Amino acid sequence: MKAYKAEDGRILLFRPEENARRFNKSAERMAMPPVPEELFQSWTQR
């Protein structure tokens, strides 16, 4: 994941929906079950 700090101090993620898709591609290659994208994105939000 790519993240950066905004001027106001918030941490912003770069393309979190793409990270979810990449995670699931990797999981498939390792014979792991996919994680629903909504669930993955909920892990990355406060």
Protein backbone atom coordinates (compact mmCIF):
# COMPACT_ATOMS: atom_id res chain seq x y z
CA MET A 1 0.00 0.00 0.00
CA LYS A 2 1.06 3.52 -0.67
CA ALA A 3 0.17 6.20 1.83
CA TYR A 4 1.18 9.78 2.38
CA LYS A 5 0.65 12.44 4.99
CA ALA A 6 -1.50 15.44 4.06
CA GLU A 7 -0.59 18.95 5.16
CA ASP A 8 -3.31 18.80 7.81
CA GLY A 9 -1.78 15.65 9.33
CA ARG A 10 -4.22 13.09 7.92
CA ILE A 11 -2.84 9.88 6.43
CA LEU A 12 -4.20 9.29 2.93
CA LEU A 13 -4.09 5.98 1.07
CA PHE A 14 -3.31 5.87 -2.62
CA ARG A 15 -5.91 3.88 -4.60
CA PRO A 16 -7.22 1.65 -1.79
CA GLU A 17 -9.64 -0.13 -4.16
CA GLU A 18 -6.72 -1.19 -6.37
CA ASN A 19 -4.89 -2.53 -3.31
CA ALA A 20 -7.89 -4.74 -2.53
CA ARG A 21 -7.81 -6.19 -6.06
CA ARG A 22 -4.06 -6.81 -5.91
CA PHE A 23 -4.45 -8.46 -2.51
CA ASN A 24 -7.02 -10.86 -3.91
CA LYS A 25 -4.85 -11.70 -6.93
CA SER A 26 -2.01 -12.56 -4.55
CA ALA A 27 -4.35 -14.58 -2.35
CA GLU A 28 -5.50 -16.59 -5.36
CA ARG A 29 -1.90 -17.41 -6.31
CA MET A 30 -1.29 -18.68 -2.77
CA ALA A 31 -4.51 -20.74 -2.79
CA MET A 32 -6.10 -18.50 -0.15
CA PRO A 33 -9.77 -17.52 -0.27
CA PRO A 34 -10.44 -13.99 -1.58
CA VAL A 35 -11.47 -11.22 0.79
CA PRO A 36 -14.50 -9.13 -0.24
CA GLU A 37 -13.27 -5.72 -1.41
CA GLU A 38 -15.67 -3.93 0.96
CA LEU A 39 -14.21 -5.80 3.92
CA PHE A 40 -10.63 -5.09 2.84
CA GLN A 41 -11.42 -1.39 2.48
CA SER A 42 -13.09 -1.30 5.90
CA TRP A 43 -9.76 -2.46 7.39
CA THR A 44 -8.03 0.57 5.89
CA GLN A 45 -10.48 3.17 7.21
CA ARG A 46 -10.97 4.63 10.63
